[in-house]
């Protein structure tokens, strides 16, 4: 991932580990804006009106490893 001009962007192959009350997951950033495959599509779906997160979604999606 890289930080540039105040924006955090993920690059192809970056790994994030998620820990919550439901357990642990590992997701990998993939090149392309494939919302149907993205683990976070519920959060950043641009088709939802007034979705503030959608404007930050770039050409990257995350898939479970």
Protein backbone atom coordinates (compact mmCIF):
# COMPACT_ATOMS: atom_id res chain seq x y z
CA UNK A 1 0.00 0.00 0.00
CA UNK A 2 1.15 3.54 -0.48
CA UNK A 3 0.30 6.92 0.97
CA UNK A 4 0.31 9.78 -1.50
CA UNK A 5 -1.09 13.28 -1.09
CA UNK A 6 -3.18 12.17 1.89
CA UNK A 7 -4.67 9.17 0.07
CA UNK A 8 -4.05 5.58 1.09
CA UNK A 9 -4.10 3.23 -1.88
CA UNK A 10 -3.70 -0.52 -2.00
CA UNK A 11 -1.66 -2.19 -4.68
CA UNK A 12 -2.21 -5.57 -6.34
CA UNK A 13 -1.20 -8.33 -3.94
CA UNK A 14 -1.37 -6.31 -0.71
CA UNK A 15 -2.67 -8.42 2.17
CA UNK A 16 -4.89 -7.27 5.02
CA UNK A 17 -5.76 -9.32 8.09
CA UNK A 18 -9.15 -8.74 9.71
CA UNK A 19 -9.87 -9.77 13.28
CA UNK A 20 -13.32 -9.34 14.79
CA UNK A 21 -15.75 -11.15 17.07
CA UNK A 22 -16.58 -13.57 14.23
CA UNK A 23 -12.98 -14.71 13.79
CA UNK A 24 -10.05 -13.94 11.50
CA UNK A 25 -9.97 -13.40 7.75
CA UNK A 26 -7.23 -12.60 5.29
CA UNK A 27 -8.00 -10.61 2.14
CA UNK A 28 -5.78 -9.86 -0.83
CA UNK A 29 -6.02 -6.74 -2.97
CA UNK A 30 -6.65 -7.49 -6.63
CA UNK A 31 -6.26 -5.16 -9.58
CA UNK A 32 -9.53 -4.12 -11.23
CA UNK A 33 -12.81 -2.72 -9.99
CA UNK A 34 -14.72 -6.01 -9.68
CA UNK A 35 -17.32 -5.12 -7.04
CA UNK A 36 -19.09 -8.47 -7.40
CA UNK A 37 -15.98 -10.27 -6.15
CA UNK A 38 -15.05 -7.74 -3.46
CA UNK A 39 -15.44 -8.66 0.20
CA UNK A 40 -16.31 -5.04 0.99
CA UNK A 41 -18.96 -4.45 -1.68
CA UNK A 42 -21.63 -4.09 1.03
CA UNK A 43 -19.73 -1.12 2.44
CA UNK A 44 -18.63 0.71 -0.70
CA UNK A 45 -21.34 -0.05 -3.29
CA UNK A 46 -21.68 3.11 -5.39
CA UNK A 47 -25.22 2.12 -6.42
CA UNK A 48 -26.45 2.93 -2.91
CA UNK A 49 -27.58 6.56 -2.62
CA UNK A 50 -25.42 8.87 -0.51
CA UNK A 51 -22.74 6.22 0.04
CA UNK A 52 -19.77 8.22 1.31
CA UNK A 53 -17.36 5.28 1.13
CA UNK A 54 -18.00 4.66 -2.57
CA UNK A 55 -16.22 7.83 -3.64
CA UNK A 56 -12.99 6.46 -2.13
CA UNK A 57 -13.20 3.13 -3.95
CA UNK A 58 -10.47 2.97 -6.59
CA UNK A 59 -9.37 0.36 -9.12
CA UNK A 60 -8.85 -2.28 -6.44
CA UNK A 61 -11.01 -4.92 -4.83
CA UNK A 62 -10.35 -7.44 -2.06
CA UNK A 63 -10.88 -11.19 -2.22
CA UNK A 64 -10.61 -13.73 0.60
CA UNK A 65 -7.33 -15.57 0.53
